[in-house]
Amino acid sequence: MGPPTGGHDERIMAVYRDTIAGLYRYVSSHCGGDRALAEDVTQETWLRAVRDWRAKGPPDEPMAWLVTVARNLLTSYYRRRRPASIDAVSAADVLAAAVQADRAQRELLLGRARVEELRRLVSVGTAFQLDLKKAEVEVLERELELRQITQELQTLAAVKR
């Protein structure tokens, strides 16, 4: 999809920038981990928005409009999709799916742990930088005190001569 070309283009682009992440989060949270489906539904939602909004302009509540369209697309998708018969799924397929789900969950937990570790490191790094700044200020204050003492000693030495 190229950039919009109607009278509402700038507004549509602003709405896109403001809502795309939230819309994708909403859609992906309703796709059972199917990233391709989440991307397809998000893209189709925005294609419909651009078609409609070029003619009518964006609605007053664009995110509500987008979520409604996305929810309807997901509902249609899940209605069309026929569940597999229990007899059509082998024990090996069930085991493979369980292993994959377990692996995905471990990766998610590991990712969260990494984020927490990065947050901790940033916090420690920030505290360290603050300690360095404090130390620099203390050094500068001591240098200033030494200069003042040196000047006073030089003044006393000049007076004694």
C-alpha atoms as a PDB file:
ATOM      1  CA  MET A   1       0.000   0.000   0.000  1.00  0.00           C
ATOM      2  CA  GLY A   2       1.438   3.348  -0.995  1.00  0.00           C
ATOM      3  CA  PRO A   3       0.851   6.582   0.874  1.00  0.00           C
ATOM      4  CA  PRO A   4      -2.722   7.926   0.896  1.00  0.00           C
ATOM      5  CA  THR A   5      -3.620  10.312  -1.910  1.00  0.00           C
ATOM      6  CA  GLY A   6      -6.945  11.907  -0.899  1.00  0.00           C
ATOM      7  CA  GLY A   7      -7.942  15.076   0.943  1.00  0.00           C
ATOM      8  CA  HIS A   8      -7.712  13.348   4.319  1.00  0.00           C
ATOM      9  CA  ASP A   9      -4.201  11.968   3.784  1.00  0.00           C
ATOM     10  CA  GLU A  10      -2.360  13.806   6.534  1.00  0.00           C
ATOM     11  CA  ARG A  11      -5.010  12.939   9.120  1.00  0.00           C
ATOM     12  CA  ILE A  12      -5.036   9.287   8.005  1.00  0.00           C
ATOM     13  CA  MET A  13      -1.237   9.090   8.270  1.00  0.00           C
ATOM     14  CA  ALA A  14      -1.333  10.703  11.738  1.00  0.00           C
ATOM     15  CA  VAL A  15      -3.983   8.212  12.880  1.00  0.00           C
ATOM     16  CA  TYR A  16      -1.889   5.371  11.436  1.00  0.00           C
ATOM     17  CA  ARG A  17       1.192   6.470  13.375  1.00  0.00           C
ATOM     18  CA  ASP A  18      -0.839   6.891  16.578  1.00  0.00           C
ATOM     19  CA  THR A  19      -2.746   3.589  16.395  1.00  0.00           C
ATOM     20  CA  ILE A  20      -0.747   0.948  14.512  1.00  0.00           C
ATOM     21  CA  ALA A  21       1.111  -0.402  17.564  1.00  0.00           C
ATOM     22  CA  GLY A  22      -2.018  -0.542  19.733  1.00  0.00           C
ATOM     23  CA  LEU A  23      -4.055  -2.149  16.958  1.00  0.00           C
ATOM     24  CA  TYR A  24      -1.391  -4.797  16.379  1.00  0.00           C
ATOM     25  CA  ARG A  25      -1.237  -5.492  20.131  1.00  0.00           C
ATOM     26  CA  TYR A  26      -5.017  -5.927  20.231  1.00  0.00           C
ATOM     27  CA  VAL A  27      -5.091  -8.207  17.175  1.00  0.00           C
ATOM     28  CA  SER A  28      -2.095 -10.315  18.219  1.00  0.00           C
ATOM     29  CA  SER A  29      -3.598 -10.861  21.666  1.00  0.00           C
ATOM     30  CA  HIS A  30      -6.601 -12.479  19.919  1.00  0.00           C
ATOM     31  CA  CYS A  31      -4.667 -14.680  17.481  1.00  0.00           C
ATOM     32  CA  GLY A  32      -3.390 -17.396  19.790  1.00  0.00           C
ATOM     33  CA  GLY A  33       0.239 -16.642  18.993  1.00  0.00           C
ATOM     34  CA  ASP A  34      -0.276 -16.778  15.204  1.00  0.00           C
ATOM     35  CA  ARG A  35       1.945 -13.875  14.167  1.00  0.00           C
ATOM     36  CA  ALA A  36       1.151 -14.203  10.454  1.00  0.00           C
ATOM     37  CA  LEU A  37      -2.579 -14.013  11.197  1.00  0.00           C
ATOM     38  CA  ALA A  38      -2.055 -10.959  13.424  1.00  0.00           C
ATOM     39  CA  GLU A  39      -0.097  -9.203  10.675  1.00  0.00           C
ATOM     40  CA  ASP A  40      -2.675 -10.123   8.009  1.00  0.00           C
ATOM     41  CA  VAL A  41      -5.627  -8.917  10.081  1.00  0.00           C
ATOM     42  CA  THR A  42      -3.851  -5.680  11.027  1.00  0.00           C
ATOM     43  CA  GLN A  43      -2.977  -5.029   7.377  1.00  0.00           C
ATOM     44  CA  GLU A  44      -6.500  -5.822   6.139  1.00  0.00           C
ATOM     45  CA  THR A  45      -7.986  -3.584   8.829  1.00  0.00           C
ATOM     46  CA  TRP A  46      -5.836  -0.684   7.666  1.00  0.00           C
ATOM     47  CA  LEU A  47      -6.589  -1.338   3.991  1.00  0.00           C
ATOM     48  CA  ARG A  48     -10.290  -1.067   4.795  1.00  0.00           C
ATOM     49  CA  ALA A  49      -9.705   2.047   6.876  1.00  0.00           C
ATOM     50  CA  VAL A  50      -7.835   3.823   4.086  1.00  0.00           C
ATOM     51  CA  ARG A  51     -10.516   2.928   1.520  1.00  0.00           C
ATOM     52  CA  ASP A  52     -13.319   4.135   3.764  1.00  0.00           C
ATOM     53  CA  TRP A  53     -11.566   7.157   5.261  1.00  0.00           C
ATOM     54  CA  ARG A  54     -10.363   8.557   1.946  1.00  0.00           C
ATOM     55  CA  ALA A  55     -13.991   8.949   0.961  1.00  0.00           C
ATOM     56  CA  LYS A  56     -15.519   9.906   4.313  1.00  0.00           C
ATOM     57  CA  GLY A  57     -12.599  11.074   6.446  1.00  0.00           C
ATOM     58  CA  PRO A  58     -11.437   9.379   9.631  1.00  0.00           C
ATOM     59  CA  PRO A  59     -14.117   8.843  12.308  1.00  0.00           C
ATOM     60  CA  ASP A  60     -14.136  10.719  15.606  1.00  0.00           C
ATOM     61  CA  GLU A  61     -12.865   7.599  17.393  1.00  0.00           C
ATOM     62  CA  PRO A  62     -10.525   5.942  14.862  1.00  0.00           C
ATOM     63  CA  MET A  63      -9.142   3.335  17.278  1.00  0.00           C
ATOM     64  CA  ALA A  64     -12.652   2.135  18.126  1.00  0.00           C
ATOM     65  CA  TRP A  65     -13.406   1.871  14.385  1.00  0.00           C
ATOM     66  CA  LEU A  66     -10.188  -0.072  13.755  1.00  0.00           C
ATOM     67  CA  VAL A  67     -10.747  -2.464  16.671  1.00  0.00           C
ATOM     68  CA  THR A  68     -14.320  -3.129  15.505  1.00  0.00           C
ATOM     69  CA  VAL A  69     -13.147  -3.971  11.984  1.00  0.00           C
ATOM     70  CA  ALA A  70     -10.303  -6.143  13.318  1.00  0.00           C
ATOM     71  CA  ARG A  71     -12.663  -7.979  15.692  1.00  0.00           C
ATOM     72  CA  ASN A  72     -15.087  -8.626  12.801  1.00  0.00           C
ATOM     73  CA  LEU A  73     -12.258  -9.917  10.599  1.00  0.00           C
ATOM     74  CA  LEU A  74     -11.086 -12.259  13.369  1.00  0.00           C
ATOM     75  CA  THR A  75     -14.634 -13.472  13.975  1.00  0.00           C
ATOM     76  CA  SER A  76     -15.043 -14.225  10.271  1.00  0.00           C
ATOM     77  CA  TYR A  77     -11.692 -16.006  10.184  1.00  0.00           C
ATOM     78  CA  TYR A  78     -12.497 -18.232  13.158  1.00  0.00           C
ATOM     79  CA  ARG A  79     -15.988 -19.022  11.808  1.00  0.00           C
ATOM     80  CA  ARG A  80     -14.548 -20.156   8.460  1.00  0.00           C
ATOM     81  CA  ARG A  81     -11.847 -22.221  10.091  1.00  0.00           C
ATOM     82  CA  ARG A  82     -12.987 -25.727  10.802  1.00  0.00           C
ATOM     83  CA  PRO A  83     -11.515 -27.371  13.874  1.00  0.00           C
ATOM     84  CA  ALA A  84      -9.564 -30.525  13.199  1.00  0.00           C
ATOM     85  CA  SER A  85     -11.230 -33.771  14.129  1.00  0.00           C
ATOM     86  CA  ILE A  86      -9.716 -35.379  17.194  1.00  0.00           C
ATOM     87  CA  ASP A  87      -9.113 -38.463  15.074  1.00  0.00           C
ATOM     88  CA  ALA A  88      -7.172 -36.434  12.494  1.00  0.00           C
ATOM     89  CA  VAL A  89      -4.517 -35.400  15.028  1.00  0.00           C
ATOM     90  CA  SER A  90      -1.876 -37.937  15.937  1.00  0.00           C
ATOM     91  CA  ALA A  91      -0.326 -38.278  19.362  1.00  0.00           C
ATOM     92  CA  ALA A  92       2.992 -37.187  17.827  1.00  0.00           C
ATOM     93  CA  ASP A  93       1.363 -33.964  16.538  1.00  0.00           C
ATOM     94  CA  VAL A  94      -0.096 -33.245  19.985  1.00  0.00           C
ATOM     95  CA  LEU A  95       3.283 -33.875  21.608  1.00  0.00           C
ATOM     96  CA  ALA A  96       5.059 -31.678  19.027  1.00  0.00           C
ATOM     97  CA  ALA A  97       2.557 -28.864  19.620  1.00  0.00           C
ATOM     98  CA  ALA A  98       3.026 -29.167  23.392  1.00  0.00           C
ATOM     99  CA  VAL A  99       6.810 -29.074  23.032  1.00  0.00           C
ATOM    100  CA  GLN A 100       6.577 -26.040  20.746  1.00  0.00           C
ATOM    101  CA  ALA A 101       4.228 -24.255  23.173  1.00  0.00           C
ATOM    102  CA  ASP A 102       6.573 -25.050  26.060  1.00  0.00           C
ATOM    103  CA  ARG A 103       9.557 -23.741  24.076  1.00  0.00           C
ATOM    104  CA  ALA A 104       7.655 -20.554  23.185  1.00  0.00           C
ATOM    105  CA  GLN A 105       6.690 -20.039  26.823  1.00  0.00           C
ATOM    106  CA  ARG A 106      10.303 -20.518  27.957  1.00  0.00           C
ATOM    107  CA  GLU A 107      11.492 -18.035  25.314  1.00  0.00           C
ATOM    108  CA  LEU A 108       8.878 -15.532  26.470  1.00  0.00           C
ATOM    109  CA  LEU A 109       9.931 -15.946  30.097  1.00  0.00           C
ATOM    110  CA  LEU A 110      13.593 -15.678  29.120  1.00  0.00           C
ATOM    111  CA  GLY A 111      12.796 -12.535  27.134  1.00  0.00           C
ATOM    112  CA  ARG A 112      11.045 -11.041  30.157  1.00  0.00           C
ATOM    113  CA  ALA A 113      13.994 -11.949  32.358  1.00  0.00           C
ATOM    114  CA  ARG A 114      16.344 -10.247  29.891  1.00  0.00           C
ATOM    115  CA  VAL A 115      14.191  -7.116  29.889  1.00  0.00           C
ATOM    116  CA  GLU A 116      14.229  -7.054  33.696  1.00  0.00           C
ATOM    117  CA  GLU A 117      18.009  -7.549  33.703  1.00  0.00           C
ATOM    118  CA  LEU A 118      18.429  -4.698  31.212  1.00  0.00           C
ATOM    119  CA  ARG A 119      16.206  -2.473  33.355  1.00  0.00           C
ATOM    120  CA  ARG A 120      18.309  -3.361  36.395  1.00  0.00           C
ATOM    121  CA  LEU A 121      21.530  -2.616  34.504  1.00  0.00           C
ATOM    122  CA  VAL A 122      20.191   0.716  33.289  1.00  0.00           C
ATOM    123  CA  SER A 123      19.187   1.562  36.856  1.00  0.00           C
ATOM    124  CA  VAL A 124      22.622   0.564  38.181  1.00  0.00           C
ATOM    125  CA  GLY A 125      24.307   2.438  35.330  1.00  0.00           C
ATOM    126  CA  THR A 126      22.252   5.542  36.051  1.00  0.00           C
ATOM    127  CA  ALA A 127      23.110   5.337  39.745  1.00  0.00           C
ATOM    128  CA  PHE A 128      26.786   4.860  38.843  1.00  0.00           C
ATOM    129  CA  GLN A 129      26.681   7.892  36.549  1.00  0.00           C
ATOM    130  CA  LEU A 130      25.072   9.928  39.323  1.00  0.00           C
ATOM    131  CA  ASP A 131      27.812   8.750  41.708  1.00  0.00           C
ATOM    132  CA  LEU A 132      30.442   9.782  39.149  1.00  0.00           C
ATOM    133  CA  LYS A 133      28.831  13.223  38.763  1.00  0.00           C
ATOM    134  CA  LYS A 134      28.721  13.594  42.551  1.00  0.00           C
ATOM    135  CA  ALA A 135      32.390  12.606  42.766  1.00  0.00           C
ATOM    136  CA  GLU A 136      33.275  15.109  40.027  1.00  0.00           C
ATOM    137  CA  VAL A 137      31.469  17.854  41.930  1.00  0.00           C
ATOM    138  CA  GLU A 138      33.324  16.917  45.131  1.00  0.00           C
ATOM    139  CA  VAL A 139      36.678  16.995  43.295  1.00  0.00           C
ATOM    140  CA  LEU A 140      35.869  20.383  41.798  1.00  0.00           C
ATOM    141  CA  GLU A 141      34.844  21.695  45.229  1.00  0.00           C
ATOM    142  CA  ARG A 142      38.124  20.456  46.743  1.00  0.00           C
ATOM    143  CA  GLU A 143      40.116  21.983  43.884  1.00  0.00           C
ATOM    144  CA  LEU A 144      38.336  25.277  44.534  1.00  0.00           C
ATOM    145  CA  GLU A 145      39.123  24.996  48.272  1.00  0.00           C
ATOM    146  CA  LEU A 146      42.795  24.264  47.472  1.00  0.00           C
ATOM    147  CA  ARG A 147      42.971  27.295  45.147  1.00  0.00           C
ATOM    148  CA  GLN A 148      41.438  29.495  47.827  1.00  0.00           C
ATOM    149  CA  ILE A 149      43.891  28.173  50.442  1.00  0.00           C
ATOM    150  CA  THR A 150      46.794  28.674  48.021  1.00  0.00           C
ATOM    151  CA  GLN A 151      45.679  32.252  47.330  1.00  0.00           C
ATOM    152  CA  GLU A 152      45.352  32.984  51.044  1.00  0.00           C
ATOM    153  CA  LEU A 153      48.830  31.547  51.709  1.00  0.00           C
ATOM    154  CA  GLN A 154      50.262  33.619  48.871  1.00  0.00           C
ATOM    155  CA  THR A 155      48.523  36.712  50.279  1.00  0.00           C
ATOM    156  CA  LEU A 156      49.954  36.014  53.764  1.00  0.00           C
ATOM    157  CA  ALA A 157      53.404  35.441  52.309  1.00  0.00           C
ATOM    158  CA  ALA A 158      53.187  38.735  50.409  1.00  0.00           C
ATOM    159  CA  VAL A 159      52.097  40.598  53.545  1.00  0.00           C
ATOM    160  CA  LYS A 160      55.011  39.172  55.607  1.00  0.00           C
ATOM    161  CA  ARG A 161      57.564  40.429  53.093  1.00  0.00           C
END
